[in-house]
Amino acid sequence: MCVDTHTYIFVYVLTYFCLFLLPFHFSSSHQFDTRYKREGMEVAAMSQASLLKDRLLNQGANHFVIFTSVGEVLEWSGDFQNEEKRLLAYTVAQQASTLLRPGEELKRISMVFDNVAYVTTTIAGPNEHFGIVVKRAVSDALEQS
């Protein structure tokens, strides 16, 4: 497995939705107890994931997985219907999130294996972190950059 963090394949869809959806805003009123705050954040996370899914599908990314920082899968499609692949994708995204420096909201790592590009993006919002892994053919990823 060869990971070159200096060579990024900037997929247009990832750049667009990451810039469009940052920063994340989650409502947190002090009049509700912690359970209601958590449920509100989960609903907000699901709404954000639905928007991300729609954008990915509209841009032709048919193989992707979106999950929370604790590994809860919010959306998946294509090859990521396999639970083992989702677990591997989460492991890679966890490693990407450790590379976030203080103040950074976005970290992207690209990996290329046999003409297939895997682009892992970690998005840090004020209350929640998201991990997105997209699988694309290298030629498609270069066209979108």
C-alpha atoms as a PDB file:
ATOM      1  CA  MET A   1       0.000   0.000   0.000  1.00  0.00           C
ATOM      2  CA  CYS A   2       1.545   3.247  -1.132  1.00  0.00           C
ATOM      3  CA  VAL A   3       0.274   6.466   0.390  1.00  0.00           C
ATOM      4  CA  ASP A   4       1.703   9.693  -0.959  1.00  0.00           C
ATOM      5  CA  THR A   5       0.348  12.547   1.136  1.00  0.00           C
ATOM      6  CA  HIS A   6       2.151  15.121  -1.032  1.00  0.00           C
ATOM      7  CA  THR A   7       0.281  14.100  -4.171  1.00  0.00           C
ATOM      8  CA  TYR A   8      -3.373  14.991  -3.874  1.00  0.00           C
ATOM      9  CA  ILE A   9      -6.040  14.112  -6.370  1.00  0.00           C
ATOM     10  CA  PHE A  10      -8.492  16.926  -5.890  1.00  0.00           C
ATOM     11  CA  VAL A  11     -11.857  15.567  -6.868  1.00  0.00           C
ATOM     12  CA  TYR A  12     -14.130  18.458  -7.780  1.00  0.00           C
ATOM     13  CA  VAL A  13     -17.081  17.092  -5.866  1.00  0.00           C
ATOM     14  CA  LEU A  14     -15.126  16.742  -2.630  1.00  0.00           C
ATOM     15  CA  THR A  15     -13.715  20.229  -2.874  1.00  0.00           C
ATOM     16  CA  TYR A  16     -17.126  21.693  -3.661  1.00  0.00           C
ATOM     17  CA  PHE A  17     -19.148  20.053  -0.923  1.00  0.00           C
ATOM     18  CA  CYS A  18     -16.454  20.457   1.720  1.00  0.00           C
ATOM     19  CA  LEU A  19     -16.274  24.182   1.109  1.00  0.00           C
ATOM     20  CA  PHE A  20     -20.044  24.506   0.773  1.00  0.00           C
ATOM     21  CA  LEU A  21     -20.942  22.678   3.966  1.00  0.00           C
ATOM     22  CA  LEU A  22     -18.323  24.119   6.324  1.00  0.00           C
ATOM     23  CA  PRO A  23     -18.764  25.114   9.051  1.00  0.00           C
ATOM     24  CA  PHE A  24     -21.330  22.727  10.441  1.00  0.00           C
ATOM     25  CA  HIS A  25     -23.979  24.286  12.637  1.00  0.00           C
ATOM     26  CA  PHE A  26     -25.688  22.133  15.205  1.00  0.00           C
ATOM     27  CA  SER A  27     -28.310  23.551  17.506  1.00  0.00           C
ATOM     28  CA  SER A  28     -27.642  23.133  21.200  1.00  0.00           C
ATOM     29  CA  SER A  29     -30.027  24.863  23.544  1.00  0.00           C
ATOM     30  CA  HIS A  30     -29.353  24.780  27.280  1.00  0.00           C
ATOM     31  CA  GLN A  31     -33.017  24.116  28.033  1.00  0.00           C
ATOM     32  CA  PHE A  32     -32.760  20.536  26.721  1.00  0.00           C
ATOM     33  CA  ASP A  33     -30.932  17.780  28.510  1.00  0.00           C
ATOM     34  CA  THR A  34     -27.920  15.986  27.008  1.00  0.00           C
ATOM     35  CA  ARG A  35     -30.018  13.253  25.411  1.00  0.00           C
ATOM     36  CA  TYR A  36     -32.000  15.742  23.342  1.00  0.00           C
ATOM     37  CA  LYS A  37     -28.846  17.603  22.341  1.00  0.00           C
ATOM     38  CA  ARG A  38     -27.280  14.357  21.147  1.00  0.00           C
ATOM     39  CA  GLU A  39     -30.414  13.396  19.208  1.00  0.00           C
ATOM     40  CA  GLY A  40     -30.454  16.839  17.591  1.00  0.00           C
ATOM     41  CA  MET A  41     -26.838  16.453  16.524  1.00  0.00           C
ATOM     42  CA  GLU A  42     -27.556  12.987  15.133  1.00  0.00           C
ATOM     43  CA  VAL A  43     -30.430  14.401  13.070  1.00  0.00           C
ATOM     44  CA  ALA A  44     -28.180  17.236  11.856  1.00  0.00           C
ATOM     45  CA  ALA A  45     -25.453  14.720  10.994  1.00  0.00           C
ATOM     46  CA  MET A  46     -27.928  12.627   9.021  1.00  0.00           C
ATOM     47  CA  SER A  47     -29.117  15.738   7.160  1.00  0.00           C
ATOM     48  CA  GLN A  48     -25.529  16.685   6.309  1.00  0.00           C
ATOM     49  CA  ALA A  49     -24.832  13.106   5.195  1.00  0.00           C
ATOM     50  CA  SER A  50     -27.880  13.139   2.921  1.00  0.00           C
ATOM     51  CA  LEU A  51     -26.678  16.344   1.288  1.00  0.00           C
ATOM     52  CA  LEU A  52     -23.203  14.874   0.850  1.00  0.00           C
ATOM     53  CA  LYS A  53     -24.646  11.690  -0.637  1.00  0.00           C
ATOM     54  CA  ASP A  54     -26.742  13.635  -3.158  1.00  0.00           C
ATOM     55  CA  ARG A  55     -23.745  15.707  -4.237  1.00  0.00           C
ATOM     56  CA  LEU A  56     -21.544  12.636  -4.610  1.00  0.00           C
ATOM     57  CA  LEU A  57     -24.143  10.816  -6.686  1.00  0.00           C
ATOM     58  CA  ASN A  58     -24.763  13.891  -8.859  1.00  0.00           C
ATOM     59  CA  GLN A  59     -21.044  14.061  -9.616  1.00  0.00           C
ATOM     60  CA  GLY A  60     -20.881  10.387 -10.592  1.00  0.00           C
ATOM     61  CA  ALA A  61     -19.160   9.058  -7.473  1.00  0.00           C
ATOM     62  CA  ASN A  62     -20.967   5.746  -7.075  1.00  0.00           C
ATOM     63  CA  HIS A  63     -18.626   4.147  -4.527  1.00  0.00           C
ATOM     64  CA  PHE A  64     -18.432   6.035  -1.231  1.00  0.00           C
ATOM     65  CA  VAL A  65     -19.016   5.823   2.507  1.00  0.00           C
ATOM     66  CA  ILE A  66     -19.798   8.646   4.962  1.00  0.00           C
ATOM     67  CA  PHE A  67     -19.470   8.141   8.703  1.00  0.00           C
ATOM     68  CA  THR A  68     -19.152   9.956  12.016  1.00  0.00           C
ATOM     69  CA  SER A  69     -16.004  10.215  14.098  1.00  0.00           C
ATOM     70  CA  VAL A  70     -17.125   7.243  16.204  1.00  0.00           C
ATOM     71  CA  GLY A  71     -17.571   5.029  13.159  1.00  0.00           C
ATOM     72  CA  GLU A  72     -21.334   5.213  12.762  1.00  0.00           C
ATOM     73  CA  VAL A  73     -22.039   4.745   9.061  1.00  0.00           C
ATOM     74  CA  LEU A  74     -24.426   7.435   7.845  1.00  0.00           C
ATOM     75  CA  GLU A  75     -24.516   6.643   4.103  1.00  0.00           C
ATOM     76  CA  TRP A  76     -22.824   4.230   1.711  1.00  0.00           C
ATOM     77  CA  SER A  77     -23.020   3.163  -1.883  1.00  0.00           C
ATOM     78  CA  GLY A  78     -21.425   0.784  -4.375  1.00  0.00           C
ATOM     79  CA  ASP A  79     -18.455  -1.264  -3.201  1.00  0.00           C
ATOM     80  CA  PHE A  80     -18.898   0.020   0.338  1.00  0.00           C
ATOM     81  CA  GLN A  81     -22.027  -2.074   0.843  1.00  0.00           C
ATOM     82  CA  ASN A  82     -19.569  -4.673   2.121  1.00  0.00           C
ATOM     83  CA  GLU A  83     -19.184  -4.184   5.884  1.00  0.00           C
ATOM     84  CA  GLU A  84     -15.506  -5.174   5.835  1.00  0.00           C
ATOM     85  CA  LYS A  85     -14.725  -2.469   3.266  1.00  0.00           C
ATOM     86  CA  ARG A  86     -16.563   0.106   5.377  1.00  0.00           C
ATOM     87  CA  LEU A  87     -14.486  -0.910   8.399  1.00  0.00           C
ATOM     88  CA  LEU A  88     -11.260  -0.552   6.406  1.00  0.00           C
ATOM     89  CA  ALA A  89     -12.405   2.843   5.115  1.00  0.00           C
ATOM     90  CA  TYR A  90     -13.135   3.980   8.675  1.00  0.00           C
ATOM     91  CA  THR A  91      -9.656   2.870   9.754  1.00  0.00           C
ATOM     92  CA  VAL A  92      -8.066   4.930   6.980  1.00  0.00           C
ATOM     93  CA  ALA A  93     -10.208   7.970   7.813  1.00  0.00           C
ATOM     94  CA  GLN A  94      -9.231   7.684  11.486  1.00  0.00           C
ATOM     95  CA  GLN A  95      -5.591   7.935  10.449  1.00  0.00           C
ATOM     96  CA  ALA A  96      -6.404  10.976   8.306  1.00  0.00           C
ATOM     97  CA  SER A  97      -8.140  12.672  11.228  1.00  0.00           C
ATOM     98  CA  THR A  98      -5.001  12.349  13.366  1.00  0.00           C
ATOM     99  CA  LEU A  99      -3.199  14.488  10.772  1.00  0.00           C
ATOM    100  CA  LEU A 100      -5.531  17.450  11.395  1.00  0.00           C
ATOM    101  CA  ARG A 101      -3.600  20.317  12.923  1.00  0.00           C
ATOM    102  CA  PRO A 102      -5.206  22.676  15.439  1.00  0.00           C
ATOM    103  CA  GLY A 103      -7.510  25.035  13.570  1.00  0.00           C
ATOM    104  CA  GLU A 104      -7.753  22.886  10.432  1.00  0.00           C
ATOM    105  CA  GLU A 105     -11.237  21.868   9.352  1.00  0.00           C
ATOM    106  CA  LEU A 106     -10.365  19.675   6.390  1.00  0.00           C
ATOM    107  CA  LYS A 107      -7.747  17.032   5.640  1.00  0.00           C
ATOM    108  CA  ARG A 108      -7.617  15.018   2.430  1.00  0.00           C
ATOM    109  CA  ILE A 109      -5.455  12.008   1.657  1.00  0.00           C
ATOM    110  CA  SER A 110      -5.353  10.235  -1.695  1.00  0.00           C
ATOM    111  CA  MET A 111      -4.212   6.688  -2.348  1.00  0.00           C
ATOM    112  CA  VAL A 112      -3.853   5.047  -5.750  1.00  0.00           C
ATOM    113  CA  PHE A 113      -3.883   1.285  -6.336  1.00  0.00           C
ATOM    114  CA  ASP A 114      -3.989  -0.237  -9.839  1.00  0.00           C
ATOM    115  CA  ASN A 115      -5.825   2.647 -11.560  1.00  0.00           C
ATOM    116  CA  VAL A 116      -8.223   3.133  -8.642  1.00  0.00           C
ATOM    117  CA  ALA A 117      -8.058   6.277  -6.513  1.00  0.00           C
ATOM    118  CA  TYR A 118      -9.331   6.333  -2.937  1.00  0.00           C
ATOM    119  CA  VAL A 119      -9.815   9.847  -1.618  1.00  0.00           C
ATOM    120  CA  THR A 120     -10.286  10.130   2.135  1.00  0.00           C
ATOM    121  CA  THR A 121     -11.566  13.429   3.497  1.00  0.00           C
ATOM    122  CA  THR A 122     -11.933  14.310   7.163  1.00  0.00           C
ATOM    123  CA  ILE A 123     -14.136  17.289   8.000  1.00  0.00           C
ATOM    124  CA  ALA A 124     -13.982  18.761  11.496  1.00  0.00           C
ATOM    125  CA  GLY A 125     -17.093  20.663  12.517  1.00  0.00           C
ATOM    126  CA  PRO A 126     -17.654  22.373  15.867  1.00  0.00           C
ATOM    127  CA  ASN A 127     -19.555  19.411  17.349  1.00  0.00           C
ATOM    128  CA  GLU A 128     -18.941  16.506  14.985  1.00  0.00           C
ATOM    129  CA  HIS A 129     -16.314  15.124  12.653  1.00  0.00           C
ATOM    130  CA  PHE A 130     -17.168  13.348   9.420  1.00  0.00           C
ATOM    131  CA  GLY A 131     -15.111  10.928   7.388  1.00  0.00           C
ATOM    132  CA  ILE A 132     -15.754  10.399   3.694  1.00  0.00           C
ATOM    133  CA  VAL A 133     -14.028   7.822   1.521  1.00  0.00           C
ATOM    134  CA  VAL A 134     -14.660   7.862  -2.229  1.00  0.00           C
ATOM    135  CA  LYS A 135     -13.459   5.232  -4.691  1.00  0.00           C
ATOM    136  CA  ARG A 136     -12.980   6.355  -8.310  1.00  0.00           C
ATOM    137  CA  ALA A 137     -11.031   5.370 -11.368  1.00  0.00           C
ATOM    138  CA  VAL A 138      -7.840   7.432 -11.588  1.00  0.00           C
ATOM    139  CA  SER A 139      -8.915   8.870 -14.950  1.00  0.00           C
ATOM    140  CA  ASP A 140     -12.254  10.018 -13.472  1.00  0.00           C
ATOM    141  CA  ALA A 141     -10.564  11.533 -10.423  1.00  0.00           C
ATOM    142  CA  LEU A 142      -8.152  13.500 -12.606  1.00  0.00           C
ATOM    143  CA  GLU A 143     -11.014  14.795 -14.771  1.00  0.00           C
ATOM    144  CA  GLN A 144     -12.800  16.094 -11.653  1.00  0.00           C
ATOM    145  CA  SER A 145      -9.729  17.886 -10.241  1.00  0.00           C
END
